[in-house]
């Protein structure tokens, strides 16, 4: 790897340039590690104070989703239908994905078997 500056005499081909480049890299790595550590500590402190440290879940109408599941629609189709009902001026428009529908169905006790969503049998 070679690095040259236009305004200063600094080349990584020379031993001095290689040393300086490695020192600068070590400082950058150290600073990044400190940032990660502080971020992790801040996250833990906020969570201990009861702060919500994640993105809020999109609200999904369970009744409508299950109604569409009964009709045999896919999670992708349901996501498109429900997303189209969100008003255009709403920032949530375009955010409802098939993954969100699948996750909610799993949370509600449904599994995907043989090409359709079925209620999980918890007696096993």
N, C-alpha and C. Protein backbone atom coordinates (compact mmCIF):
# COMPACT_ATOMS: atom_id res chain seq x y z
N UNK A 1 0.85 -1.17 0.00
CA UNK A 1 0.00 0.00 0.00
C UNK A 1 0.89 1.23 0.00
N UNK A 2 0.46 2.23 -0.75
CA UNK A 2 1.21 3.46 -0.82
C UNK A 2 0.28 4.64 -0.59
N UNK A 3 0.77 5.63 0.15
CA UNK A 3 -0.01 6.82 0.46
C UNK A 3 0.87 8.03 0.24
N UNK A 4 0.40 9.02 -0.49
CA UNK A 4 1.15 10.25 -0.71
C UNK A 4 0.25 11.44 -0.44
N UNK A 5 0.81 12.46 0.19
CA UNK A 5 0.05 13.70 0.40
C UNK A 5 0.52 14.73 -0.61
N UNK A 6 -0.34 15.65 -0.93
CA UNK A 6 0.01 16.69 -1.90
C UNK A 6 0.68 17.88 -1.23
N UNK A 7 0.32 18.15 0.03
CA UNK A 7 0.82 19.34 0.72
C UNK A 7 1.99 19.06 1.64
N UNK A 8 2.16 17.81 2.05
CA UNK A 8 3.21 17.49 3.02
C UNK A 8 4.09 16.38 2.48
N UNK A 9 5.31 16.35 2.96
CA UNK A 9 6.22 15.27 2.58
C UNK A 9 5.95 14.06 3.46
N UNK A 10 5.19 13.14 2.95
CA UNK A 10 4.83 11.96 3.72
C UNK A 10 4.61 10.83 2.73
N UNK A 11 5.51 9.88 2.71
CA UNK A 11 5.38 8.75 1.82
C UNK A 11 5.49 7.46 2.62
N UNK A 12 4.68 6.49 2.26
CA UNK A 12 4.69 5.23 2.99
C UNK A 12 5.72 4.25 2.44
N UNK A 13 6.48 4.66 1.45
CA UNK A 13 7.54 3.78 0.93
C UNK A 13 8.78 3.82 1.81
N UNK A 14 8.96 4.92 2.52
CA UNK A 14 10.15 5.05 3.38
C UNK A 14 9.87 4.43 4.74
N UNK A 15 10.90 4.02 5.46
CA UNK A 15 10.70 3.46 6.79
C UNK A 15 10.00 4.43 7.74
N UNK A 16 10.35 5.72 7.66
CA UNK A 16 9.71 6.71 8.51
C UNK A 16 8.22 6.84 8.17
N UNK A 17 7.91 6.83 6.90
CA UNK A 17 6.53 6.93 6.46
C UNK A 17 5.71 5.72 6.89
N UNK A 18 6.31 4.54 6.80
CA UNK A 18 5.63 3.32 7.23
C UNK A 18 5.35 3.36 8.73
N UNK A 19 6.35 3.82 9.50
CA UNK A 19 6.17 3.93 10.95
C UNK A 19 5.03 4.89 11.28
N UNK A 20 5.05 6.07 10.68
CA UNK A 20 4.02 7.07 10.94
C UNK A 20 2.63 6.54 10.53
N UNK A 21 2.56 5.88 9.39
CA UNK A 21 1.30 5.32 8.90
C UNK A 21 0.76 4.28 9.89
N UNK A 22 1.63 3.43 10.41
CA UNK A 22 1.21 2.42 11.38
C UNK A 22 0.76 3.05 12.71
N UNK A 23 1.46 4.09 13.13
CA UNK A 23 1.09 4.78 14.37
C UNK A 23 -0.29 5.43 14.22
N UNK A 24 -0.50 6.11 13.08
CA UNK A 24 -1.80 6.73 12.83
C UNK A 24 -2.91 5.68 12.78
N UNK A 25 -2.62 4.54 12.17
CA UNK A 25 -3.59 3.46 12.11
C UNK A 25 -3.91 2.92 13.49
N UNK A 26 -2.88 2.79 14.34
CA UNK A 26 -3.09 2.30 15.70
C UNK A 26 -3.95 3.28 16.50
N UNK A 27 -3.71 4.57 16.34
CA UNK A 27 -4.52 5.58 17.04
C UNK A 27 -5.97 5.53 16.54
N UNK A 28 -6.16 5.36 15.26
CA UNK A 28 -7.52 5.29 14.71
C UNK A 28 -8.24 4.06 15.26
N UNK A 29 -7.56 2.94 15.31
CA UNK A 29 -8.16 1.72 15.85
C UNK A 29 -8.49 1.87 17.33
N UNK A 30 -7.59 2.49 18.08
CA UNK A 30 -7.80 2.74 19.51
C UNK A 30 -9.02 3.63 19.72
N UNK A 31 -9.12 4.72 18.94
CA UNK A 31 -10.24 5.64 19.07
C UNK A 31 -11.56 4.94 18.74
N UNK A 32 -11.56 4.10 17.72
CA UNK A 32 -12.76 3.36 17.35
C UNK A 32 -13.18 2.42 18.48
N UNK A 33 -12.22 1.77 19.11
CA UNK A 33 -12.53 0.87 20.23
C UNK A 33 -13.13 1.65 21.40
N UNK A 34 -12.59 2.86 21.67
CA UNK A 34 -13.14 3.70 22.74
C UNK A 34 -14.58 4.12 22.44
N UNK A 35 -14.84 4.47 21.18
CA UNK A 35 -16.20 4.86 20.78
C UNK A 35 -17.15 3.69 20.99
N UNK A 36 -16.75 2.49 20.58
CA UNK A 36 -17.58 1.30 20.76
C UNK A 36 -17.85 1.04 22.24
N UNK A 37 -16.83 1.17 23.05
CA UNK A 37 -16.96 0.94 24.49
C UNK A 37 -17.93 1.94 25.12
N UNK A 38 -17.77 3.22 24.78
CA UNK A 38 -18.66 4.25 25.32
C UNK A 38 -20.11 4.03 24.85
N UNK A 39 -20.27 3.67 23.61
CA UNK A 39 -21.61 3.42 23.08
C UNK A 39 -22.27 2.26 23.81
N UNK A 40 -21.52 1.19 24.01
CA UNK A 40 -22.04 0.01 24.71
C UNK A 40 -22.41 0.36 26.15
N UNK A 41 -21.54 1.12 26.84
CA UNK A 41 -21.83 1.53 28.22
C UNK A 41 -23.06 2.42 28.29
N UNK A 42 -23.20 3.34 27.33
CA UNK A 42 -24.36 4.22 27.30
C UNK A 42 -25.64 3.45 27.05
N UNK A 43 -25.57 2.46 26.17
CA UNK A 43 -26.74 1.62 25.89
C UNK A 43 -27.16 0.86 27.13
N UNK A 44 -26.21 0.27 27.83
CA UNK A 44 -26.50 -0.49 29.05
C UNK A 44 -27.08 0.43 30.13
N UNK A 45 -26.49 1.63 30.29
CA UNK A 45 -26.98 2.58 31.30
C UNK A 45 -28.41 3.02 30.98
N UNK A 46 -28.68 3.28 29.70
CA UNK A 46 -30.04 3.70 29.31
C UNK A 46 -31.03 2.57 29.55
N UNK A 47 -30.64 1.37 29.21
CA UNK A 47 -31.53 0.22 29.40
C UNK A 47 -31.82 -0.01 30.89
N UNK A 48 -30.79 0.17 31.73
CA UNK A 48 -30.98 0.02 33.18
C UNK A 48 -31.91 1.08 33.75
N UNK A 49 -31.97 2.24 33.09
CA UNK A 49 -32.88 3.31 33.54
C UNK A 49 -34.29 3.13 32.97
N UNK A 50 -34.47 2.06 32.20
CA UNK A 50 -35.79 1.78 31.66
C UNK A 50 -36.08 2.43 30.32
N UNK A 51 -35.07 2.95 29.67
CA UNK A 51 -35.26 3.58 28.36
C UNK A 51 -35.43 2.49 27.30
N UNK A 52 -36.22 2.80 26.29
CA UNK A 52 -36.38 1.88 25.16
C UNK A 52 -35.24 2.13 24.20
N UNK A 53 -34.45 1.11 23.96
CA UNK A 53 -33.24 1.27 23.15
C UNK A 53 -33.35 0.59 21.79
N UNK A 54 -34.55 0.48 21.28
CA UNK A 54 -34.70 -0.10 19.96
C UNK A 54 -35.82 0.61 19.22
N UNK A 55 -35.92 0.33 17.96
CA UNK A 55 -36.95 0.94 17.15
C UNK A 55 -38.30 0.36 17.54
N UNK A 56 -39.32 1.20 17.71
CA UNK A 56 -40.64 0.68 18.05
C UNK A 56 -41.19 -0.19 16.91
N UNK A 57 -41.94 -1.21 17.28
CA UNK A 57 -42.51 -2.10 16.27
C UNK A 57 -43.62 -1.37 15.51
N UNK A 58 -43.72 -1.71 14.23
CA UNK A 58 -44.85 -1.20 13.45
C UNK A 58 -46.12 -1.86 13.95
N UNK A 59 -47.17 -1.08 14.02
CA UNK A 59 -48.45 -1.65 14.43
C UNK A 59 -49.05 -2.40 13.25
N UNK A 60 -49.43 -3.64 13.50
CA UNK A 60 -50.03 -4.48 12.46
C UNK A 60 -51.39 -4.94 12.97
N UNK A 61 -52.40 -4.79 12.15
CA UNK A 61 -53.76 -5.17 12.52
C UNK A 61 -53.88 -6.70 12.49
N UNK A 62 -53.86 -7.32 13.66
CA UNK A 62 -53.88 -8.77 13.77
C UNK A 62 -55.12 -9.36 13.12
N UNK A 63 -56.25 -8.74 13.35
CA UNK A 63 -57.51 -9.24 12.81
C UNK A 63 -57.47 -9.31 11.29
N UNK A 64 -56.97 -8.24 10.66
CA UNK A 64 -56.91 -8.21 9.20
C UNK A 64 -55.90 -9.23 8.67
N UNK A 65 -54.74 -9.33 9.32
CA UNK A 65 -53.72 -10.29 8.87
C UNK A 65 -54.29 -11.71 8.92
N UNK A 66 -54.92 -12.06 10.02
CA UNK A 66 -55.46 -13.42 10.15
C UNK A 66 -56.61 -13.65 9.16
N UNK A 67 -57.36 -12.61 8.88
CA UNK A 67 -58.43 -12.70 7.88
C UNK A 67 -57.85 -13.04 6.50
N UNK A 68 -56.76 -12.36 6.15
CA UNK A 68 -56.11 -12.61 4.86
C UNK A 68 -55.43 -13.98 4.83
N UNK A 69 -54.91 -14.40 5.95
CA UNK A 69 -54.28 -15.73 6.04
C UNK A 69 -55.33 -16.81 5.78
N UNK A 70 -56.52 -16.62 6.35
CA UNK A 70 -57.62 -17.58 6.15
C UNK A 70 -58.01 -17.66 4.67
N UNK A 71 -57.87 -16.54 3.97
CA UNK A 71 -58.19 -16.52 2.54
C UNK A 71 -57.07 -17.13 1.69
N UNK A 72 -55.92 -17.43 2.33
CA UNK A 72 -54.82 -18.08 1.62
C UNK A 72 -53.80 -17.13 1.02
N UNK A 73 -53.84 -15.86 1.40
CA UNK A 73 -52.86 -14.91 0.86
C UNK A 73 -51.49 -15.12 1.49
N UNK A 74 -50.46 -14.77 0.75
CA UNK A 74 -49.08 -14.89 1.26
C UNK A 74 -48.75 -13.69 2.14
N UNK A 75 -47.68 -13.82 2.89
CA UNK A 75 -47.22 -12.71 3.74
C UNK A 75 -46.85 -11.51 2.89
N UNK A 76 -46.26 -11.76 1.73
CA UNK A 76 -45.88 -10.68 0.82
C UNK A 76 -47.11 -9.92 0.33
N UNK A 77 -48.15 -10.66 -0.06
CA UNK A 77 -49.38 -10.03 -0.54
C UNK A 77 -50.07 -9.25 0.58
N UNK A 78 -50.08 -9.81 1.78
CA UNK A 78 -50.69 -9.13 2.92
C UNK A 78 -49.95 -7.83 3.23
N UNK A 79 -48.64 -7.88 3.18
CA UNK A 79 -47.84 -6.68 3.44
C UNK A 79 -48.18 -5.59 2.43
N UNK A 80 -48.29 -5.96 1.15
CA UNK A 80 -48.62 -4.97 0.12
C UNK A 80 -50.00 -4.38 0.35
N UNK A 81 -50.97 -5.23 0.68
CA UNK A 81 -52.34 -4.76 0.90
C UNK A 81 -52.39 -3.82 2.10
N UNK A 82 -51.83 -4.25 3.22
CA UNK A 82 -51.89 -3.43 4.44
C UNK A 82 -51.07 -2.16 4.31
N UNK A 83 -49.96 -2.23 3.59
CA UNK A 83 -49.13 -1.03 3.41
C UNK A 83 -49.88 -0.01 2.55
N UNK A 84 -50.68 -0.48 1.61
CA UNK A 84 -51.43 0.44 0.76
C UNK A 84 -52.53 1.16 1.51
N UNK A 85 -52.93 0.63 2.69
CA UNK A 85 -53.98 1.29 3.48
C UNK A 85 -53.42 2.41 4.36
N UNK A 86 -52.09 2.49 4.46
CA UNK A 86 -51.47 3.55 5.26
C UNK A 86 -51.56 4.86 4.46
N UNK A 87 -52.02 5.95 5.06
CA UNK A 87 -52.12 7.23 4.33
C UNK A 87 -50.77 7.65 3.74
N UNK A 88 -50.81 8.30 2.57
CA UNK A 88 -49.59 8.70 1.87
C UNK A 88 -48.72 9.66 2.67
N UNK A 89 -49.32 10.49 3.51
CA UNK A 89 -48.55 11.47 4.27
C UNK A 89 -47.89 10.86 5.51
N UNK A 90 -48.16 9.60 5.77
CA UNK A 90 -47.61 8.93 6.95
C UNK A 90 -46.20 8.44 6.65
N UNK A 91 -45.27 8.65 7.56
CA UNK A 91 -43.88 8.24 7.38
C UNK A 91 -43.72 6.72 7.39
N UNK A 92 -44.74 6.01 7.86
CA UNK A 92 -44.67 4.55 7.92
C UNK A 92 -44.97 3.91 6.56
N UNK A 93 -45.47 4.68 5.61
CA UNK A 93 -45.82 4.16 4.29
C UNK A 93 -44.58 3.55 3.65
N UNK A 94 -44.72 2.35 3.14
CA UNK A 94 -43.61 1.67 2.49
C UNK A 94 -42.72 0.91 3.45
N UNK A 95 -43.05 0.91 4.73
CA UNK A 95 -42.21 0.26 5.74
C UNK A 95 -42.69 -1.15 6.08
N UNK A 96 -43.94 -1.45 5.79
CA UNK A 96 -44.50 -2.75 6.15
C UNK A 96 -44.03 -3.78 5.13
N UNK A 97 -43.25 -4.75 5.60
CA UNK A 97 -42.68 -5.75 4.70
C UNK A 97 -43.23 -7.13 5.01
N UNK A 98 -42.96 -8.05 4.10
CA UNK A 98 -43.37 -9.45 4.31
C UNK A 98 -42.69 -10.02 5.55
N UNK A 99 -41.46 -9.59 5.81
CA UNK A 99 -40.75 -10.06 7.01
C UNK A 99 -41.47 -9.66 8.27
N UNK A 100 -42.01 -8.43 8.28
CA UNK A 100 -42.76 -7.97 9.46
C UNK A 100 -44.00 -8.84 9.66
N UNK A 101 -44.70 -9.13 8.58
CA UNK A 101 -45.90 -9.99 8.67
C UNK A 101 -45.51 -11.38 9.17
N UNK A 102 -44.44 -11.94 8.63
CA UNK A 102 -43.98 -13.27 9.06
C UNK A 102 -43.61 -13.27 10.53
N UNK A 103 -42.89 -12.25 10.96
CA UNK A 103 -42.50 -12.16 12.37
C UNK A 103 -43.71 -12.08 13.29
N UNK A 104 -44.72 -11.26 12.89
CA UNK A 104 -45.91 -11.15 13.72
C UNK A 104 -46.66 -12.48 13.78
N UNK A 105 -46.77 -13.16 12.64
CA UNK A 105 -47.44 -14.46 12.62
C UNK A 105 -46.74 -15.45 13.54
N UNK A 106 -45.42 -15.44 13.53
CA UNK A 106 -44.66 -16.30 14.44
C UNK A 106 -44.93 -15.93 15.89
N UNK A 107 -44.98 -14.62 16.18
CA UNK A 107 -45.27 -14.16 17.54
C UNK A 107 -46.66 -14.59 17.99
N UNK A 108 -47.60 -14.63 17.04
CA UNK A 108 -48.98 -14.98 17.35
C UNK A 108 -49.22 -16.49 17.37
N UNK A 109 -48.13 -17.28 17.18
CA UNK A 109 -48.25 -18.72 17.29
C UNK A 109 -48.54 -19.44 15.99
N UNK A 110 -48.20 -18.84 14.86
CA UNK A 110 -48.41 -19.47 13.56
C UNK A 110 -47.08 -19.95 12.99
N UNK A 111 -47.14 -21.02 12.22
CA UNK A 111 -45.96 -21.54 11.52
C UNK A 111 -46.34 -21.77 10.06
N UNK A 112 -45.33 -21.73 9.21
CA UNK A 112 -45.54 -21.93 7.78
C UNK A 112 -45.27 -23.39 7.45
N UNK A 113 -46.32 -24.11 7.06
CA UNK A 113 -46.19 -25.53 6.75
C UNK A 113 -46.95 -25.85 5.47
N UNK A 114 -46.30 -26.62 4.62
CA UNK A 114 -46.93 -27.09 3.38
C UNK A 114 -47.58 -25.96 2.57
N UNK A 115 -46.89 -24.83 2.50
CA UNK A 115 -47.35 -23.72 1.68
C UNK A 115 -48.42 -22.84 2.27
N UNK A 116 -48.70 -22.98 3.57
CA UNK A 116 -49.70 -22.11 4.18
C UNK A 116 -49.36 -21.90 5.66
N UNK A 117 -49.95 -20.84 6.23
CA UNK A 117 -49.76 -20.52 7.64
C UNK A 117 -50.81 -21.25 8.46
N UNK A 118 -50.35 -21.97 9.50
CA UNK A 118 -51.26 -22.70 10.38
C UNK A 118 -50.92 -22.38 11.83
N UNK A 119 -51.96 -22.45 12.66
CA UNK A 119 -51.76 -22.21 14.09
C UNK A 119 -50.87 -23.32 14.65
N UNK A 120 -49.85 -22.94 15.41
CA UNK A 120 -48.92 -23.89 16.01
C UNK A 120 -49.65 -24.73 17.05
N UNK A 121 -49.39 -26.01 16.99
CA UNK A 121 -49.96 -26.93 17.98
C UNK A 121 -48.95 -27.06 19.11
N UNK A 122 -49.25 -26.46 20.27
CA UNK A 122 -48.31 -26.45 21.40
C UNK A 122 -48.41 -27.70 22.27
N UNK A 123 -49.18 -28.70 21.83
CA UNK A 123 -49.34 -29.91 22.65
C UNK A 123 -48.19 -30.88 22.46
N UNK A 124 -47.32 -30.60 21.51
CA UNK A 124 -46.19 -31.51 21.26
C UNK A 124 -45.17 -31.47 22.36
